[in-house]
Every structure is written in structure tokens, then in C-alpha cells.
Amino acid sequence: MINYEPFWNTLKNSTESTYTLINRHHVSSATIDKLRKNKPLTTTTINDLCRILNCRIDDIACYIPSEDDQKL
């Protein structure tokens, strides 16, 4: 399962907030909701967040093995 907890830590340590992401950087509120609920994001969105927050992918997301993962 992809987990976005690193995003929230990165955001907390930055000068940005969910308000500035939405209003200054035009990140949709639906994207913020997906981050809150660990729902899938596109790589384009992850790229945008990395650019805005000046961080690496692992500062946005991490993989945590889960029994709910799709069978391969």
C-alpha cells in the first residue's frame, strides 16, 4: 500500500500549507483528500508536489506491505 504520511511530515516542515497548495499552487482539494485517504495519485501530481515542496519522492510517499494489496 502506498502511504502518504511522509507528505504530511514534509508539509509540516515546509513554509507551505494545504491552503497555499490549493490557492497559490492550484493543487485541487480532491488531491489533498486523496493524500489524506492514501488513495492513488498520478506520477504527474507527485512530480508537482516534489517541485512545490522542493523534495524527493520518498518525502511524499512510501510503500508499506499490506494484506489488502492486490494479488500478483
PDB file of N, CA and C in Angstrom:
ATOM      1  N   MET A   1       0.846  -1.175   0.000  1.00  0.00           N
ATOM      2  CA  MET A   1       0.000   0.000   0.000  1.00  0.00           C
ATOM      3  C   MET A   1       0.893   1.241   0.000  1.00  0.00           C
ATOM      4  N   ILE A   2       0.543   2.193  -0.817  1.00  0.00           N
ATOM      5  CA  ILE A   2       1.260   3.461  -0.826  1.00  0.00           C
ATOM      6  C   ILE A   2       0.698   4.317   0.301  1.00  0.00           C
ATOM      7  N   ASN A   3       1.602   4.872   1.092  1.00  0.00           N
ATOM      8  CA  ASN A   3       1.220   5.677   2.246  1.00  0.00           C
ATOM      9  C   ASN A   3       1.805   7.075   2.077  1.00  0.00           C
ATOM     10  N   TYR A   4       0.995   8.093   2.335  1.00  0.00           N
ATOM     11  CA  TYR A   4       1.423   9.477   2.146  1.00  0.00           C
ATOM     12  C   TYR A   4       1.782  10.180   3.449  1.00  0.00           C
ATOM     13  N   GLU A   5       2.027   9.436   4.492  1.00  0.00           N
ATOM     14  CA  GLU A   5       2.434  10.053   5.755  1.00  0.00           C
ATOM     15  C   GLU A   5       3.683  10.922   5.587  1.00  0.00           C
ATOM     16  N   PRO A   6       4.675  10.500   4.786  1.00  0.00           N
ATOM     17  CA  PRO A   6       5.841  11.375   4.599  1.00  0.00           C
ATOM     18  C   PRO A   6       5.466  12.750   4.035  1.00  0.00           C
ATOM     19  N   PHE A   7       4.428  12.803   3.185  1.00  0.00           N
ATOM     20  CA  PHE A   7       3.980  14.085   2.649  1.00  0.00           C
ATOM     21  C   PHE A   7       3.579  15.032   3.776  1.00  0.00           C
ATOM     22  N   TRP A   8       2.808  14.524   4.736  1.00  0.00           N
ATOM     23  CA  TRP A   8       2.315  15.381   5.818  1.00  0.00           C
ATOM     24  C   TRP A   8       3.464  15.874   6.681  1.00  0.00           C
ATOM     25  N   ASN A   9       4.472  15.042   6.893  1.00  0.00           N
ATOM     26  CA  ASN A   9       5.655  15.484   7.642  1.00  0.00           C
ATOM     27  C   ASN A   9       6.435  16.532   6.856  1.00  0.00           C
ATOM     28  N   THR A  10       6.582  16.321   5.560  1.00  0.00           N
ATOM     29  CA  THR A  10       7.285  17.275   4.705  1.00  0.00           C
ATOM     30  C   THR A  10       6.542  18.601   4.668  1.00  0.00           C
ATOM     31  N   LEU A  11       5.226  18.530   4.525  1.00  0.00           N
ATOM     32  CA  LEU A  11       4.415  19.750   4.500  1.00  0.00           C
ATOM     33  C   LEU A  11       4.542  20.513   5.813  1.00  0.00           C
ATOM     34  N   LYS A  12       4.483  19.800   6.913  1.00  0.00           N
ATOM     35  CA  LYS A  12       4.593  20.424   8.243  1.00  0.00           C
ATOM     36  C   LYS A  12       5.923  21.167   8.391  1.00  0.00           C
ATOM     37  N   ASN A  13       6.994  20.618   7.821  1.00  0.00           N
ATOM     38  CA  ASN A  13       8.322  21.220   7.945  1.00  0.00           C
ATOM     39  C   ASN A  13       8.624  22.244   6.860  1.00  0.00           C
ATOM     40  N   SER A  14       7.649  22.522   6.016  1.00  0.00           N
ATOM     41  CA  SER A  14       7.847  23.498   4.940  1.00  0.00           C
ATOM     42  C   SER A  14       7.137  24.807   5.290  1.00  0.00           C
ATOM     43  N   THR A  15       7.260  25.758   4.387  1.00  0.00           N
ATOM     44  CA  THR A  15       6.554  27.035   4.564  1.00  0.00           C
ATOM     45  C   THR A  15       5.168  26.987   3.923  1.00  0.00           C
ATOM     46  N   GLU A  16       4.824  25.849   3.335  1.00  0.00           N
ATOM     47  CA  GLU A  16       3.523  25.692   2.673  1.00  0.00           C
ATOM     48  C   GLU A  16       2.501  25.099   3.634  1.00  0.00           C
ATOM     49  N   SER A  17       1.249  25.169   3.220  1.00  0.00           N
ATOM     50  CA  SER A  17       0.139  24.562   3.958  1.00  0.00           C
ATOM     51  C   SER A  17      -0.845  24.028   2.929  1.00  0.00           C
ATOM     52  N   THR A  18      -1.849  23.300   3.374  1.00  0.00           N
ATOM     53  CA  THR A  18      -2.847  22.851   2.410  1.00  0.00           C
ATOM     54  C   THR A  18      -3.523  24.057   1.758  1.00  0.00           C
ATOM     55  N   TYR A  19      -3.686  25.131   2.514  1.00  0.00           N
ATOM     56  CA  TYR A  19      -4.273  26.354   1.964  1.00  0.00           C
ATOM     57  C   TYR A  19      -3.434  26.899   0.810  1.00  0.00           C
ATOM     58  N   THR A  20      -2.124  27.011   1.006  1.00  0.00           N
ATOM     59  CA  THR A  20      -1.278  27.559  -0.067  1.00  0.00           C
ATOM     60  C   THR A  20      -1.159  26.580  -1.233  1.00  0.00           C
ATOM     61  N   LEU A  21      -1.177  25.288  -0.939  1.00  0.00           N
ATOM     62  CA  LEU A  21      -1.150  24.324  -2.043  1.00  0.00           C
ATOM     63  C   LEU A  21      -2.366  24.508  -2.945  1.00  0.00           C
ATOM     64  N   ILE A  22      -3.522  24.698  -2.340  1.00  0.00           N
ATOM     65  CA  ILE A  22      -4.757  24.859  -3.107  1.00  0.00           C
ATOM     66  C   ILE A  22      -4.827  26.229  -3.775  1.00  0.00           C
ATOM     67  N   ASN A  23      -4.564  27.294  -3.021  1.00  0.00           N
ATOM     68  CA  ASN A  23      -4.803  28.639  -3.533  1.00  0.00           C
ATOM     69  C   ASN A  23      -3.631  29.264  -4.301  1.00  0.00           C
ATOM     70  N   ARG A  24      -2.422  28.957  -3.940  1.00  0.00           N
ATOM     71  CA  ARG A  24      -1.263  29.529  -4.631  1.00  0.00           C
ATOM     72  C   ARG A  24      -0.759  28.606  -5.734  1.00  0.00           C
ATOM     73  N   HIS A  25      -0.762  27.303  -5.461  1.00  0.00           N
ATOM     74  CA  HIS A  25      -0.166  26.356  -6.401  1.00  0.00           C
ATOM     75  C   HIS A  25      -1.204  25.574  -7.205  1.00  0.00           C
ATOM     76  N   HIS A  26      -2.482  25.823  -6.950  1.00  0.00           N
ATOM     77  CA  HIS A  26      -3.595  25.242  -7.708  1.00  0.00           C
ATOM     78  C   HIS A  26      -3.646  23.718  -7.634  1.00  0.00           C
ATOM     79  N   VAL A  27      -3.252  23.166  -6.500  1.00  0.00           N
ATOM     80  CA  VAL A  27      -3.445  21.744  -6.226  1.00  0.00           C
ATOM     81  C   VAL A  27      -4.918  21.595  -5.843  1.00  0.00           C
ATOM     82  N   SER A  28      -5.593  20.645  -6.433  1.00  0.00           N
ATOM     83  CA  SER A  28      -7.025  20.533  -6.171  1.00  0.00           C
ATOM     84  C   SER A  28      -7.304  20.014  -4.750  1.00  0.00           C
ATOM     85  N   SER A  29      -8.445  20.395  -4.238  1.00  0.00           N
ATOM     86  CA  SER A  29      -8.845  19.890  -2.921  1.00  0.00           C
ATOM     87  C   SER A  29      -9.070  18.377  -2.989  1.00  0.00           C
ATOM     88  N   ALA A  30      -9.425  17.869  -4.170  1.00  0.00           N
ATOM     89  CA  ALA A  30      -9.577  16.420  -4.343  1.00  0.00           C
ATOM     90  C   ALA A  30      -8.233  15.711  -4.159  1.00  0.00           C
ATOM     91  N   THR A  31      -7.153  16.336  -4.623  1.00  0.00           N
ATOM     92  CA  THR A  31      -5.817  15.761  -4.431  1.00  0.00           C
ATOM     93  C   THR A  31      -5.455  15.734  -2.955  1.00  0.00           C
ATOM     94  N   ILE A  32      -5.753  16.800  -2.239  1.00  0.00           N
ATOM     95  CA  ILE A  32      -5.492  16.845  -0.792  1.00  0.00           C
ATOM     96  C   ILE A  32      -6.283  15.735  -0.104  1.00  0.00           C
ATOM     97  N   ASP A  33      -7.524  15.530  -0.529  1.00  0.00           N
ATOM     98  CA  ASP A  33      -8.353  14.471   0.043  1.00  0.00           C
ATOM     99  C   ASP A  33      -7.756  13.089  -0.249  1.00  0.00           C
ATOM    100  N   LYS A  34      -7.234  12.888  -1.463  1.00  0.00           N
ATOM    101  CA  LYS A  34      -6.583  11.614  -1.805  1.00  0.00           C
ATOM    102  C   LYS A  34      -5.358  11.380  -0.931  1.00  0.00           C
ATOM    103  N   LEU A  35      -4.600  12.429  -0.667  1.00  0.00           N
ATOM    104  CA  LEU A  35      -3.433  12.306   0.209  1.00  0.00           C
ATOM    105  C   LEU A  35      -3.861  11.915   1.620  1.00  0.00           C
ATOM    106  N   ARG A  36      -4.922  12.523   2.092  1.00  0.00           N
ATOM    107  CA  ARG A  36      -5.424  12.200   3.441  1.00  0.00           C
ATOM    108  C   ARG A  36      -5.869  10.749   3.557  1.00  0.00           C
ATOM    109  N   LYS A  37      -6.447  10.222   2.470  1.00  0.00           N
ATOM    110  CA  LYS A  37      -7.040   8.882   2.494  1.00  0.00           C
ATOM    111  C   LYS A  37      -6.141   7.817   1.865  1.00  0.00           C
ATOM    112  N   ASN A  38      -4.885   8.183   1.544  1.00  0.00           N
ATOM    113  CA  ASN A  38      -3.940   7.248   0.910  1.00  0.00           C
ATOM    114  C   ASN A  38      -4.506   6.625  -0.362  1.00  0.00           C
ATOM    115  N   LYS A  39      -5.181   7.439  -1.152  1.00  0.00           N
ATOM    116  CA  LYS A  39      -5.721   6.997  -2.435  1.00  0.00           C
ATOM    117  C   LYS A  39      -4.676   7.231  -3.524  1.00  0.00           C
ATOM    118  N   PRO A  40      -4.784   6.540  -4.663  1.00  0.00           N
ATOM    119  CA  PRO A  40      -3.787   6.668  -5.729  1.00  0.00           C
ATOM    120  C   PRO A  40      -3.691   8.093  -6.291  1.00  0.00           C
ATOM    121  N   LEU A  41      -2.447   8.506  -6.574  1.00  0.00           N
ATOM    122  CA  LEU A  41      -2.156   9.773  -7.247  1.00  0.00           C
ATOM    123  C   LEU A  41      -1.376   9.463  -8.513  1.00  0.00           C
ATOM    124  N   THR A  42      -1.464  10.341  -9.491  1.00  0.00           N
ATOM    125  CA  THR A  42      -0.663  10.162 -10.698  1.00  0.00           C
ATOM    126  C   THR A  42       0.779  10.568 -10.420  1.00  0.00           C
ATOM    127  N   THR A  43       1.675  10.064 -11.244  1.00  0.00           N
ATOM    128  CA  THR A  43       3.074  10.468 -11.095  1.00  0.00           C
ATOM    129  C   THR A  43       3.246  11.948 -11.420  1.00  0.00           C
ATOM    130  N   THR A  44       2.393  12.491 -12.255  1.00  0.00           N
ATOM    131  CA  THR A  44       2.436  13.927 -12.553  1.00  0.00           C
ATOM    132  C   THR A  44       2.136  14.736 -11.296  1.00  0.00           C
ATOM    133  N   THR A  45       1.147  14.313 -10.539  1.00  0.00           N
ATOM    134  CA  THR A  45       0.799  15.002  -9.294  1.00  0.00           C
ATOM    135  C   THR A  45       1.927  14.887  -8.279  1.00  0.00           C
ATOM    136  N   ILE A  46       2.514  13.702  -8.167  1.00  0.00           N
ATOM    137  CA  ILE A  46       3.636  13.520  -7.244  1.00  0.00           C
ATOM    138  C   ILE A  46       4.805  14.399  -7.679  1.00  0.00           C
ATOM    139  N   ASN A  47       5.057  14.483  -8.978  1.00  0.00           N
ATOM    140  CA  ASN A  47       6.103  15.362  -9.504  1.00  0.00           C
ATOM    141  C   ASN A  47       5.823  16.817  -9.127  1.00  0.00           C
ATOM    142  N   ASP A  48       4.588  17.253  -9.292  1.00  0.00           N
ATOM    143  CA  ASP A  48       4.217  18.634  -8.937  1.00  0.00           C
ATOM    144  C   ASP A  48       4.452  18.905  -7.453  1.00  0.00           C
ATOM    145  N   LEU A  49       4.068  17.971  -6.611  1.00  0.00           N
ATOM    146  CA  LEU A  49       4.264  18.151  -5.167  1.00  0.00           C
ATOM    147  C   LEU A  49       5.757  18.225  -4.827  1.00  0.00           C
ATOM    148  N   CYS A  50       6.553  17.391  -5.468  1.00  0.00           N
ATOM    149  CA  CYS A  50       8.003  17.436  -5.242  1.00  0.00           C
ATOM    150  C   CYS A  50       8.575  18.788  -5.670  1.00  0.00           C
ATOM    151  N   ARG A  51       8.118  19.316  -6.784  1.00  0.00           N
ATOM    152  CA  ARG A  51       8.587  20.625  -7.254  1.00  0.00           C
ATOM    153  C   ARG A  51       8.167  21.734  -6.286  1.00  0.00           C
ATOM    154  N   ILE A  52       6.912  21.704  -5.860  1.00  0.00           N
ATOM    155  CA  ILE A  52       6.403  22.739  -4.950  1.00  0.00           C
ATOM    156  C   ILE A  52       7.152  22.704  -3.622  1.00  0.00           C
ATOM    157  N   LEU A  53       7.343  21.508  -3.087  1.00  0.00           N
ATOM    158  CA  LEU A  53       7.951  21.364  -1.761  1.00  0.00           C
ATOM    159  C   LEU A  53       9.472  21.205  -1.819  1.00  0.00           C
ATOM    160  N   ASN A  54      10.008  21.184  -3.048  1.00  0.00           N
ATOM    161  CA  ASN A  54      11.448  21.044  -3.248  1.00  0.00           C
ATOM    162  C   ASN A  54      11.983  19.832  -2.476  1.00  0.00           C
ATOM    163  N   CYS A  55      11.398  18.672  -2.800  1.00  0.00           N
ATOM    164  CA  CYS A  55      11.749  17.462  -2.062  1.00  0.00           C
ATOM    165  C   CYS A  55      11.850  16.271  -3.005  1.00  0.00           C
ATOM    166  N   ARG A  56      12.166  15.128  -2.450  1.00  0.00           N
ATOM    167  CA  ARG A  56      12.278  13.883  -3.200  1.00  0.00           C
ATOM    168  C   ARG A  56      10.983  13.087  -3.086  1.00  0.00           C
ATOM    169  N   ILE A  57      10.832  12.102  -3.957  1.00  0.00           N
ATOM    170  CA  ILE A  57       9.629  11.268  -3.935  1.00  0.00           C
ATOM    171  C   ILE A  57       9.426  10.619  -2.566  1.00  0.00           C
ATOM    172  N   ASP A  58      10.511  10.156  -1.958  1.00  0.00           N
ATOM    173  CA  ASP A  58      10.346   9.495  -0.659  1.00  0.00           C
ATOM    174  C   ASP A  58       9.974  10.460   0.458  1.00  0.00           C
ATOM    175  N   ASP A  59       9.969  11.762   0.167  1.00  0.00           N
ATOM    176  CA  ASP A  59       9.455  12.749   1.110  1.00  0.00           C
ATOM    177  C   ASP A  59       7.940  12.938   0.943  1.00  0.00           C
ATOM    178  N   ILE A  60       7.381  12.273  -0.083  1.00  0.00           N
ATOM    179  CA  ILE A  60       5.952  12.359  -0.375  1.00  0.00           C
ATOM    180  C   ILE A  60       5.241  11.051  -0.038  1.00  0.00           C
ATOM    181  N   ALA A  61       5.857   9.929  -0.391  1.00  0.00           N
ATOM    182  CA  ALA A  61       5.176   8.642  -0.255  1.00  0.00           C
ATOM    183  C   ALA A  61       6.147   7.537   0.119  1.00  0.00           C
ATOM    184  N   CYS A  62       5.595   6.477   0.696  1.00  0.00           N
ATOM    185  CA  CYS A  62       6.376   5.275   0.980  1.00  0.00           C
ATOM    186  C   CYS A  62       5.482   4.064   0.748  1.00  0.00           C
ATOM    187  N   TYR A  63       6.107   2.928   0.557  1.00  0.00           N
ATOM    188  CA  TYR A  63       5.369   1.684   0.365  1.00  0.00           C
ATOM    189  C   TYR A  63       5.383   0.891   1.657  1.00  0.00           C
ATOM    190  N   ILE A  64       4.205   0.456   2.086  1.00  0.00           N
ATOM    191  CA  ILE A  64       4.072  -0.380   3.264  1.00  0.00           C
ATOM    192  C   ILE A  64       3.334  -1.655   2.820  1.00  0.00           C
ATOM    193  N   PRO A  65       3.984  -2.818   2.936  1.00  0.00           N
ATOM    194  CA  PRO A  65       3.293  -4.068   2.564  1.00  0.00           C
ATOM    195  C   PRO A  65       1.993  -4.226   3.351  1.00  0.00           C
ATOM    196  N   SER A  66       0.980  -4.735   2.674  1.00  0.00           N
ATOM    197  CA  SER A  66      -0.328  -4.872   3.302  1.00  0.00           C
ATOM    198  C   SER A  66      -1.021  -6.131   2.791  1.00  0.00           C
ATOM    199  N   GLU A  67      -1.810  -6.742   3.661  1.00  0.00           N
ATOM    200  CA  GLU A  67      -2.609  -7.896   3.268  1.00  0.00           C
ATOM    201  C   GLU A  67      -3.671  -7.499   2.251  1.00  0.00           C
ATOM    202  N   ASP A  68      -4.000  -6.208   2.178  1.00  0.00           N
ATOM    203  CA  ASP A  68      -5.017  -5.712   1.240  1.00  0.00           C
ATOM    204  C   ASP A  68      -4.451  -5.454  -0.143  1.00  0.00           C
ATOM    205  N   ASP A  69      -3.129  -5.605  -0.337  1.00  0.00           N
ATOM    206  CA  ASP A  69      -2.528  -5.392  -1.646  1.00  0.00           C
ATOM    207  C   ASP A  69      -3.113  -6.375  -2.655  1.00  0.00           C
ATOM    208  N   GLN A  70      -3.240  -5.921  -3.875  1.00  0.00           N
ATOM    209  CA  GLN A  70      -3.737  -6.759  -4.964  1.00  0.00           C
ATOM    210  C   GLN A  70      -2.792  -7.941  -5.170  1.00  0.00           C
ATOM    211  N   LYS A  71      -3.349  -9.114  -5.403  1.00  0.00           N
ATOM    212  CA  LYS A  71      -2.558 -10.304  -5.676  1.00  0.00           C
ATOM    213  C   LYS A  71      -1.905 -10.174  -7.046  1.00  0.00           C
ATOM    214  N   LEU A  72      -0.655 -10.595  -7.137  1.00  0.00           N
ATOM    215  CA  LEU A  72       0.062 -10.535  -8.414  1.00  0.00           C
ATOM    216  C   LEU A  72      -0.001 -11.863  -9.130  1.00  0.00           C
TER     217      LEU A  72
END
